[in-house]
All heavy atoms as atom14 arrays in JSON, in Angstrom:
{
  "sequence": "AFDLYHSVYRMLQILTHFNRNDYVETERLRIWDFYLLFPDKI",
  "atom14_mask": [
    [1, 1, 1, 1, 1, 0, 0, 0, 0, 0, 0, 0, 0, 0],
    [1, 1, 1, 1, 1, 1, 1, 1, 1, 1, 1, 0, 0, 0],
    [1, 1, 1, 1, 1, 1, 1, 1, 0, 0, 0, 0, 0, 0],
    [1, 1, 1, 1, 1, 1, 1, 1, 0, 0, 0, 0, 0, 0],
    [1, 1, 1, 1, 1, 1, 1, 1, 1, 1, 1, 1, 0, 0],
    [1, 1, 1, 1, 1, 1, 1, 1, 1, 1, 0, 0, 0, 0],
    [1, 1, 1, 1, 1, 1, 0, 0, 0, 0, 0, 0, 0, 0],
    [1, 1, 1, 1, 1, 1, 1, 0, 0, 0, 0, 0, 0, 0],
    [1, 1, 1, 1, 1, 1, 1, 1, 1, 1, 1, 1, 0, 0],
    [1, 1, 1, 1, 1, 1, 1, 1, 1, 1, 1, 0, 0, 0],
    [1, 1, 1, 1, 1, 1, 1, 1, 0, 0, 0, 0, 0, 0],
    [1, 1, 1, 1, 1, 1, 1, 1, 0, 0, 0, 0, 0, 0],
    [1, 1, 1, 1, 1, 1, 1, 1, 1, 0, 0, 0, 0, 0],
    [1, 1, 1, 1, 1, 1, 1, 1, 0, 0, 0, 0, 0, 0],
    [1, 1, 1, 1, 1, 1, 1, 1, 0, 0, 0, 0, 0, 0],
    [1, 1, 1, 1, 1, 1, 1, 0, 0, 0, 0, 0, 0, 0],
    [1, 1, 1, 1, 1, 1, 1, 1, 1, 1, 0, 0, 0, 0],
    [1, 1, 1, 1, 1, 1, 1, 1, 1, 1, 1, 0, 0, 0],
    [1, 1, 1, 1, 1, 1, 1, 1, 0, 0, 0, 0, 0, 0],
    [1, 1, 1, 1, 1, 1, 1, 1, 1, 1, 1, 0, 0, 0],
    [1, 1, 1, 1, 1, 1, 1, 1, 0, 0, 0, 0, 0, 0],
    [1, 1, 1, 1, 1, 1, 1, 1, 0, 0, 0, 0, 0, 0],
    [1, 1, 1, 1, 1, 1, 1, 1, 1, 1, 1, 1, 0, 0],
    [1, 1, 1, 1, 1, 1, 1, 0, 0, 0, 0, 0, 0, 0],
    [1, 1, 1, 1, 1, 1, 1, 1, 1, 0, 0, 0, 0, 0],
    [1, 1, 1, 1, 1, 1, 1, 0, 0, 0, 0, 0, 0, 0],
    [1, 1, 1, 1, 1, 1, 1, 1, 1, 0, 0, 0, 0, 0],
    [1, 1, 1, 1, 1, 1, 1, 1, 1, 1, 1, 0, 0, 0],
    [1, 1, 1, 1, 1, 1, 1, 1, 0, 0, 0, 0, 0, 0],
    [1, 1, 1, 1, 1, 1, 1, 1, 1, 1, 1, 0, 0, 0],
    [1, 1, 1, 1, 1, 1, 1, 1, 0, 0, 0, 0, 0, 0],
    [1, 1, 1, 1, 1, 1, 1, 1, 1, 1, 1, 1, 1, 1],
    [1, 1, 1, 1, 1, 1, 1, 1, 0, 0, 0, 0, 0, 0],
    [1, 1, 1, 1, 1, 1, 1, 1, 1, 1, 1, 0, 0, 0],
    [1, 1, 1, 1, 1, 1, 1, 1, 1, 1, 1, 1, 0, 0],
    [1, 1, 1, 1, 1, 1, 1, 1, 0, 0, 0, 0, 0, 0],
    [1, 1, 1, 1, 1, 1, 1, 1, 0, 0, 0, 0, 0, 0],
    [1, 1, 1, 1, 1, 1, 1, 1, 1, 1, 1, 0, 0, 0],
    [1, 1, 1, 1, 1, 1, 1, 0, 0, 0, 0, 0, 0, 0],
    [1, 1, 1, 1, 1, 1, 1, 1, 0, 0, 0, 0, 0, 0],
    [1, 1, 1, 1, 1, 1, 1, 1, 1, 0, 0, 0, 0, 0],
    [1, 1, 1, 1, 1, 1, 1, 1, 0, 0, 0, 0, 0, 0]
  ],
  "atom14_positions": [
    [[121.79, 20.63, -23.93], [120.68, 20.04, -24.67], [119.58, 21.07, -24.94], [118.89, 21.04, -25.89], [120.16, 18.86, -23.96], [0.0, 0.0, 0.0], [0.0, 0.0, 0.0], [0.0, 0.0, 0.0], [0.0, 0.0, 0.0], [0.0, 0.0, 0.0], [0.0, 0.0, 0.0], [0.0, 0.0, 0.0], [0.0, 0.0, 0.0], [0.0, 0.0, 0.0]],
    [[119.5, 22.03, -24.02], [118.4, 23.02, -24.05], [118.94, 24.35, -24.49], [118.75, 25.35, -23.83], [117.67, 23.07, -22.69], [117.3, 21.65, -22.25], [117.96, 21.08, -21.2], [116.28, 21.0, -22.83], [117.63, 19.78, -20.8], [115.88, 19.73, -22.46], [116.57, 19.1, -21.45], [0.0, 0.0, 0.0], [0.0, 0.0, 0.0], [0.0, 0.0, 0.0]],
    [[119.63, 24.32, -25.63], [120.26, 25.52, -26.16], [120.35, 25.38, -27.65], [120.86, 24.44, -28.19], [121.71, 25.57, -25.57], [122.49, 26.74, -26.0], [122.37, 27.13, -27.15], [123.32, 27.2, -25.21], [0.0, 0.0, 0.0], [0.0, 0.0, 0.0], [0.0, 0.0, 0.0], [0.0, 0.0, 0.0], [0.0, 0.0, 0.0], [0.0, 0.0, 0.0]],
    [[119.82, 26.39, -28.36], [119.74, 26.37, -29.8], [121.16, 26.36, -30.42], [121.45, 25.63, -31.39], [118.91, 27.57, -30.39], [118.75, 27.55, -31.89], [118.01, 26.33, -32.36], [117.96, 28.78, -32.29], [0.0, 0.0, 0.0], [0.0, 0.0, 0.0], [0.0, 0.0, 0.0], [0.0, 0.0, 0.0], [0.0, 0.0, 0.0], [0.0, 0.0, 0.0]],
    [[122.04, 27.21, -29.89], [123.41, 27.29, -30.38], [124.09, 25.93, -30.41], [124.69, 25.53, -31.35], [124.19, 28.29, -29.55], [125.66, 28.38, -29.85], [126.11, 29.2, -30.92], [126.63, 27.64, -29.12], [127.43, 29.15, -31.21], [127.94, 27.72, -29.42], [128.4, 28.5, -30.5], [129.71, 28.54, -30.78], [0.0, 0.0, 0.0], [0.0, 0.0, 0.0]],
    [[123.98, 25.19, -29.26], [124.63, 23.89, -29.16], [123.91, 22.86, -30.04], [124.58, 21.93, -30.5], [124.69, 23.44, -27.67], [125.75, 24.18, -26.89], [125.47, 25.3, -26.15], [127.06, 23.94, -26.82], [126.56, 25.68, -25.62], [127.57, 24.92, -25.98], [0.0, 0.0, 0.0], [0.0, 0.0, 0.0], [0.0, 0.0, 0.0], [0.0, 0.0, 0.0]],
    [[122.64, 23.08, -30.22], [121.92, 22.1, -31.12], [122.38, 22.3, -32.55], [122.6, 21.33, -33.29], [120.38, 22.38, -31.05], [119.89, 21.99, -29.79], [0.0, 0.0, 0.0], [0.0, 0.0, 0.0], [0.0, 0.0, 0.0], [0.0, 0.0, 0.0], [0.0, 0.0, 0.0], [0.0, 0.0, 0.0], [0.0, 0.0, 0.0], [0.0, 0.0, 0.0]],
    [[122.59, 23.55, -32.98], [123.14, 23.81, -34.32], [124.49, 23.26, -34.47], [124.83, 22.57, -35.46], [123.11, 25.36, -34.66], [123.91, 25.66, -35.87], [121.72, 25.9, -34.74], [0.0, 0.0, 0.0], [0.0, 0.0, 0.0], [0.0, 0.0, 0.0], [0.0, 0.0, 0.0], [0.0, 0.0, 0.0], [0.0, 0.0, 0.0], [0.0, 0.0, 0.0]],
    [[125.32, 23.43, -33.46], [126.67, 22.85, -33.39], [126.68, 21.37, -33.61], [127.4, 20.8, -34.4], [127.35, 23.25, -32.08], [128.6, 22.51, -31.8], [129.77, 22.73, -32.48], [128.64, 21.55, -30.75], [130.96, 22.03, -32.17], [129.81, 20.87, -30.47], [130.91, 21.08, -31.2], [132.09, 20.43, -30.86], [0.0, 0.0, 0.0], [0.0, 0.0, 0.0]],
    [[125.84, 20.65, -32.83], [125.73, 19.2, -32.91], [125.27, 18.74, -34.26], [125.82, 17.79, -34.94], [124.89, 18.64, -31.82], [125.47, 18.71, -30.44], [124.69, 17.91, -29.43], [123.27, 18.15, -29.47], [122.62, 19.12, -28.8], [123.27, 19.96, -28.11], [121.3, 19.25, -28.92], [0.0, 0.0, 0.0], [0.0, 0.0, 0.0], [0.0, 0.0, 0.0]],
    [[124.24, 19.42, -34.84], [123.72, 19.05, -36.13], [124.82, 19.24, -37.21], [124.95, 18.44, -38.14], [122.49, 19.86, -36.49], [121.28, 19.52, -35.62], [120.67, 17.89, -35.9], [119.27, 17.86, -34.83], [0.0, 0.0, 0.0], [0.0, 0.0, 0.0], [0.0, 0.0, 0.0], [0.0, 0.0, 0.0], [0.0, 0.0, 0.0], [0.0, 0.0, 0.0]],
    [[125.55, 20.38, -37.13], [126.63, 20.65, -38.09], [127.68, 19.48, -37.99], [128.15, 19.0, -39.04], [127.27, 21.94, -37.77], [126.67, 23.17, -38.36], [127.34, 24.45, -37.79], [126.67, 23.23, -39.82], [0.0, 0.0, 0.0], [0.0, 0.0, 0.0], [0.0, 0.0, 0.0], [0.0, 0.0, 0.0], [0.0, 0.0, 0.0], [0.0, 0.0, 0.0]],
    [[128.03, 19.11, -36.79], [129.0, 18.05, -36.63], [128.54, 16.69, -37.17], [129.32, 16.04, -37.88], [129.41, 17.91, -35.16], [130.08, 19.1, -34.54], [131.44, 19.33, -35.25], [132.04, 18.5, -35.85], [131.97, 20.56, -34.96], [0.0, 0.0, 0.0], [0.0, 0.0, 0.0], [0.0, 0.0, 0.0], [0.0, 0.0, 0.0], [0.0, 0.0, 0.0]],
    [[127.31, 16.38, -36.94], [126.75, 15.15, -37.5], [126.71, 15.2, -39.04], [127.16, 14.24, -39.71], [125.35, 14.88, -36.97], [125.4, 14.56, -35.42], [124.67, 13.71, -37.67], [124.02, 14.57, -34.75], [0.0, 0.0, 0.0], [0.0, 0.0, 0.0], [0.0, 0.0, 0.0], [0.0, 0.0, 0.0], [0.0, 0.0, 0.0], [0.0, 0.0, 0.0]],
    [[126.23, 16.26, -39.58], [126.12, 16.39, -41.06], [127.52, 16.4, -41.69], [127.68, 15.92, -42.8], [125.3, 17.59, -41.46], [123.8, 17.52, -41.06], [123.2, 18.88, -41.37], [123.13, 16.39, -41.89], [0.0, 0.0, 0.0], [0.0, 0.0, 0.0], [0.0, 0.0, 0.0], [0.0, 0.0, 0.0], [0.0, 0.0, 0.0], [0.0, 0.0, 0.0]],
    [[128.48, 16.96, -41.0], [129.88, 16.94, -41.52], [130.4, 15.52, -41.65], [131.11, 15.18, -42.59], [130.79, 17.72, -40.6], [130.32, 19.12, -40.56], [132.21, 17.75, -41.13], [0.0, 0.0, 0.0], [0.0, 0.0, 0.0], [0.0, 0.0, 0.0], [0.0, 0.0, 0.0], [0.0, 0.0, 0.0], [0.0, 0.0, 0.0], [0.0, 0.0, 0.0]],
    [[130.0, 14.67, -40.71], [130.48, 13.24, -40.8], [129.56, 12.35, -41.64], [129.9, 11.25, -41.9], [130.45, 12.67, -39.34], [131.62, 13.16, -38.54], [131.59, 14.37, -37.89], [132.82, 12.61, -38.26], [132.76, 14.55, -37.26], [133.48, 13.48, -37.47], [0.0, 0.0, 0.0], [0.0, 0.0, 0.0], [0.0, 0.0, 0.0], [0.0, 0.0, 0.0]],
    [[128.45, 12.87, -42.08], [127.5, 12.12, -42.87], [127.98, 12.24, -44.33], [127.63, 13.22, -45.03], [126.07, 12.69, -42.71], [125.08, 11.88, -43.43], [124.75, 10.56, -43.07], [124.39, 12.4, -44.51], [123.77, 9.83, -43.73], [123.4, 11.67, -45.18], [123.14, 10.39, -44.81], [0.0, 0.0, 0.0], [0.0, 0.0, 0.0], [0.0, 0.0, 0.0]],
    [[128.75, 11.31, -44.78], [129.39, 11.36, -46.09], [128.66, 10.68, -47.18], [129.19, 10.02, -48.05], [130.83, 10.82, -46.01], [131.7, 11.67, -45.19], [131.58, 12.87, -45.12], [132.56, 11.06, -44.38], [0.0, 0.0, 0.0], [0.0, 0.0, 0.0], [0.0, 0.0, 0.0], [0.0, 0.0, 0.0], [0.0, 0.0, 0.0], [0.0, 0.0, 0.0]],
    [[127.39, 10.8, -47.22], [126.56, 10.18, -48.31], [125.84, 11.26, -49.04], [125.51, 12.33, -48.5], [125.53, 9.23, -47.66], [126.17, 8.1, -46.86], [125.14, 7.19, -46.24], [125.67, 6.34, -45.25], [126.26, 5.16, -45.52], [126.35, 4.76, -46.73], [126.64, 4.4, -44.5], [0.0, 0.0, 0.0], [0.0, 0.0, 0.0], [0.0, 0.0, 0.0]],
    [[125.62, 11.01, -50.34], [124.91, 11.98, -51.15], [123.44, 11.66, -51.18], [122.78, 11.9, -52.16], [125.46, 12.07, -52.53], [126.87, 12.59, -52.56], [127.16, 13.51, -51.81], [127.74, 12.06, -53.42], [0.0, 0.0, 0.0], [0.0, 0.0, 0.0], [0.0, 0.0, 0.0], [0.0, 0.0, 0.0], [0.0, 0.0, 0.0], [0.0, 0.0, 0.0]],
    [[122.94, 11.2, -50.11], [121.59, 10.79, -49.95], [120.91, 11.63, -48.88], [121.52, 12.48, -48.3], [121.51, 9.27, -49.56], [120.21, 8.64, -49.98], [119.29, 9.31, -50.53], [120.06, 7.42, -49.74], [0.0, 0.0, 0.0], [0.0, 0.0, 0.0], [0.0, 0.0, 0.0], [0.0, 0.0, 0.0], [0.0, 0.0, 0.0], [0.0, 0.0, 0.0]],
    [[119.66, 11.37, -48.58], [118.99, 12.09, -47.51], [119.04, 11.24, -46.23], [119.32, 10.07, -46.23], [117.53, 12.41, -47.9], [116.69, 11.14, -47.9], [116.01, 10.74, -46.78], [116.46, 10.42, -49.08], [115.24, 9.59, -46.75], [115.7, 9.26, -49.09], [115.07, 8.89, -48.0], [114.28, 7.76, -47.96], [0.0, 0.0, 0.0], [0.0, 0.0, 0.0]],
    [[118.79, 11.98, -45.14], [118.65, 11.27, -43.86], [117.27, 11.77, -43.27], [116.99, 12.96, -43.43], [119.82, 11.55, -42.89], [120.01, 12.99, -42.55], [119.71, 10.74, -41.6], [0.0, 0.0, 0.0], [0.0, 0.0, 0.0], [0.0, 0.0, 0.0], [0.0, 0.0, 0.0], [0.0, 0.0, 0.0], [0.0, 0.0, 0.0], [0.0, 0.0, 0.0]],
    [[116.54, 10.9, -42.65], [115.24, 11.25, -42.13], [115.46, 12.11, -40.93], [116.41, 11.97, -40.13], [114.48, 10.03, -41.67], [114.23, 8.96, -42.75], [115.35, 7.92, -42.81], [116.47, 8.13, -42.32], [115.05, 6.81, -43.36], [0.0, 0.0, 0.0], [0.0, 0.0, 0.0], [0.0, 0.0, 0.0], [0.0, 0.0, 0.0], [0.0, 0.0, 0.0]],
    [[114.54, 13.11, -40.72], [114.68, 14.01, -39.6], [114.64, 13.26, -38.29], [115.43, 13.59, -37.36], [113.46, 15.01, -39.63], [113.46, 15.66, -40.9], [113.56, 16.03, -38.54], [0.0, 0.0, 0.0], [0.0, 0.0, 0.0], [0.0, 0.0, 0.0], [0.0, 0.0, 0.0], [0.0, 0.0, 0.0], [0.0, 0.0, 0.0], [0.0, 0.0, 0.0]],
    [[113.75, 12.23, -38.15], [113.7, 11.49, -36.89], [115.03, 10.8, -36.62], [115.49, 10.72, -35.5], [112.54, 10.47, -36.97], [111.22, 11.13, -36.91], [110.12, 10.13, -37.14], [110.28, 9.07, -37.78], [109.01, 10.35, -36.57], [0.0, 0.0, 0.0], [0.0, 0.0, 0.0], [0.0, 0.0, 0.0], [0.0, 0.0, 0.0], [0.0, 0.0, 0.0]],
    [[115.68, 10.22, -37.67], [116.94, 9.56, -37.52], [118.0, 10.57, -37.02], [118.76, 10.3, -36.12], [117.4, 8.89, -38.83], [118.66, 8.03, -38.67], [119.08, 7.47, -39.96], [118.11, 6.71, -40.65], [117.92, 5.36, -40.53], [118.7, 4.68, -39.73], [116.92, 4.77, -41.15], [0.0, 0.0, 0.0], [0.0, 0.0, 0.0], [0.0, 0.0, 0.0]],
    [[118.05, 11.7, -37.63], [119.0, 12.76, -37.29], [118.78, 13.2, -35.85], [119.73, 13.42, -35.1], [118.88, 13.93, -38.27], [119.97, 14.99, -38.16], [121.37, 14.38, -38.37], [119.72, 16.1, -39.15], [0.0, 0.0, 0.0], [0.0, 0.0, 0.0], [0.0, 0.0, 0.0], [0.0, 0.0, 0.0], [0.0, 0.0, 0.0], [0.0, 0.0, 0.0]],
    [[117.5, 13.32, -35.43], [117.22, 13.69, -34.07], [117.72, 12.62, -33.1], [118.26, 12.96, -32.06], [115.69, 13.88, -33.87], [115.19, 15.19, -34.55], [113.74, 15.45, -34.19], [113.58, 15.49, -32.75], [112.62, 14.77, -32.1], [111.8, 14.01, -32.76], [112.57, 14.8, -30.78], [0.0, 0.0, 0.0], [0.0, 0.0, 0.0], [0.0, 0.0, 0.0]],
    [[117.57, 11.37, -33.44], [118.04, 10.3, -32.6], [119.54, 10.32, -32.49], [120.14, 10.23, -31.4], [117.5, 8.88, -33.15], [116.05, 8.77, -32.93], [118.29, 7.76, -32.49], [115.41, 7.55, -33.67], [0.0, 0.0, 0.0], [0.0, 0.0, 0.0], [0.0, 0.0, 0.0], [0.0, 0.0, 0.0], [0.0, 0.0, 0.0], [0.0, 0.0, 0.0]],
    [[120.23, 10.53, -33.62], [121.69, 10.69, -33.62], [122.1, 11.81, -32.74], [123.09, 11.7, -31.96], [122.22, 10.9, -35.02], [122.13, 9.75, -35.95], [121.8, 8.42, -35.65], [122.38, 9.78, -37.33], [121.79, 7.68, -36.78], [122.2, 8.44, -37.85], [122.78, 10.67, -38.26], [122.36, 8.1, -39.18], [122.94, 10.4, -39.58], [122.76, 9.08, -40.04]],
    [[121.4, 12.92, -32.78], [121.71, 14.07, -31.99], [121.63, 13.76, -30.51], [122.49, 14.15, -29.72], [120.79, 15.29, -32.29], [121.07, 16.5, -31.49], [122.24, 16.98, -31.54], [120.17, 16.92, -30.76], [0.0, 0.0, 0.0], [0.0, 0.0, 0.0], [0.0, 0.0, 0.0], [0.0, 0.0, 0.0], [0.0, 0.0, 0.0], [0.0, 0.0, 0.0]],
    [[120.58, 13.05, -30.14], [120.39, 12.63, -28.74], [121.63, 11.81, -28.26], [122.14, 12.04, -27.18], [119.14, 11.8, -28.6], [118.91, 11.24, -27.19], [118.37, 12.03, -26.21], [119.3, 9.96, -26.89], [118.17, 11.53, -24.89], [119.1, 9.44, -25.63], [118.55, 10.25, -24.61], [0.0, 0.0, 0.0], [0.0, 0.0, 0.0], [0.0, 0.0, 0.0]],
    [[122.07, 10.88, -29.08], [123.22, 10.05, -28.66], [124.52, 10.75, -28.79], [125.47, 10.39, -28.11], [123.17, 8.71, -29.45], [122.04, 7.81, -29.05], [120.97, 7.59, -29.86], [122.08, 7.21, -27.76], [119.96, 6.76, -29.46], [121.08, 6.44, -27.28], [119.98, 6.22, -28.16], [118.95, 5.4, -27.77], [0.0, 0.0, 0.0], [0.0, 0.0, 0.0]],
    [[124.62, 11.76, -29.59], [125.82, 12.62, -29.54], [125.85, 13.42, -28.24], [126.91, 13.62, -27.63], [125.89, 13.57, -30.75], [127.02, 14.54, -30.78], [128.39, 13.82, -30.74], [126.95, 15.43, -31.99], [0.0, 0.0, 0.0], [0.0, 0.0, 0.0], [0.0, 0.0, 0.0], [0.0, 0.0, 0.0], [0.0, 0.0, 0.0], [0.0, 0.0, 0.0]],
    [[124.68, 13.85, -27.84], [124.57, 14.59, -26.6], [124.82, 13.75, -25.37], [125.43, 14.19, -24.42], [123.16, 15.22, -26.54], [122.86, 16.24, -25.46], [123.78, 17.44, -25.54], [121.42, 16.71, -25.59], [0.0, 0.0, 0.0], [0.0, 0.0, 0.0], [0.0, 0.0, 0.0], [0.0, 0.0, 0.0], [0.0, 0.0, 0.0], [0.0, 0.0, 0.0]],
    [[124.34, 12.53, -25.45], [124.55, 11.54, -24.3], [125.14, 10.28, -24.88], [124.51, 9.23, -24.97], [123.15, 11.22, -23.7], [122.45, 12.42, -23.16], [121.38, 12.94, -23.86], [122.84, 13.06, -22.01], [120.65, 14.06, -23.39], [122.13, 14.14, -21.53], [121.06, 14.68, -22.22], [0.0, 0.0, 0.0], [0.0, 0.0, 0.0], [0.0, 0.0, 0.0]],
    [[126.42, 10.29, -25.25], [127.07, 9.13, -25.87], [127.07, 7.9, -24.99], [127.03, 6.74, -25.49], [128.53, 9.59, -26.12], [128.68, 10.87, -25.46], [127.37, 11.41, -25.04], [0.0, 0.0, 0.0], [0.0, 0.0, 0.0], [0.0, 0.0, 0.0], [0.0, 0.0, 0.0], [0.0, 0.0, 0.0], [0.0, 0.0, 0.0], [0.0, 0.0, 0.0]],
    [[127.01, 8.06, -23.66], [127.0, 6.84, -22.81], [125.7, 6.02, -23.06], [125.63, 4.85, -22.74], [127.05, 7.25, -21.32], [128.39, 7.83, -20.93], [129.35, 7.71, -21.79], [128.48, 8.34, -19.85], [0.0, 0.0, 0.0], [0.0, 0.0, 0.0], [0.0, 0.0, 0.0], [0.0, 0.0, 0.0], [0.0, 0.0, 0.0], [0.0, 0.0, 0.0]],
    [[124.66, 6.67, -23.54], [123.39, 6.02, -23.78], [123.37, 5.09, -24.99], [122.46, 4.34, -25.16], [122.28, 7.05, -23.88], [122.01, 7.81, -22.62], [121.48, 6.89, -21.58], [121.13, 7.59, -20.27], [120.65, 6.7, -19.28], [0.0, 0.0, 0.0], [0.0, 0.0, 0.0], [0.0, 0.0, 0.0], [0.0, 0.0, 0.0], [0.0, 0.0, 0.0]],
    [[124.39, 5.19, -25.85], [124.48, 4.35, -27.01], [124.48, 2.87, -26.63], [123.88, 2.02, -27.33], [125.71, 4.64, -27.88], [125.55, 6.06, -28.51], [125.93, 3.63, -28.97], [126.76, 6.45, -29.33], [0.0, 0.0, 0.0], [0.0, 0.0, 0.0], [0.0, 0.0, 0.0], [0.0, 0.0, 0.0], [0.0, 0.0, 0.0], [0.0, 0.0, 0.0]]
  ]
}
């Protein structure tokens, strides 16, 4: 969680799965990243 490299990796993975031609809010993306990092918390 406290590593830029892994944060870039997670953001890339999320954006790869985001199959919409629309925008996503930064806060929403940050929330998604948190739950990708800690999936049990979903």
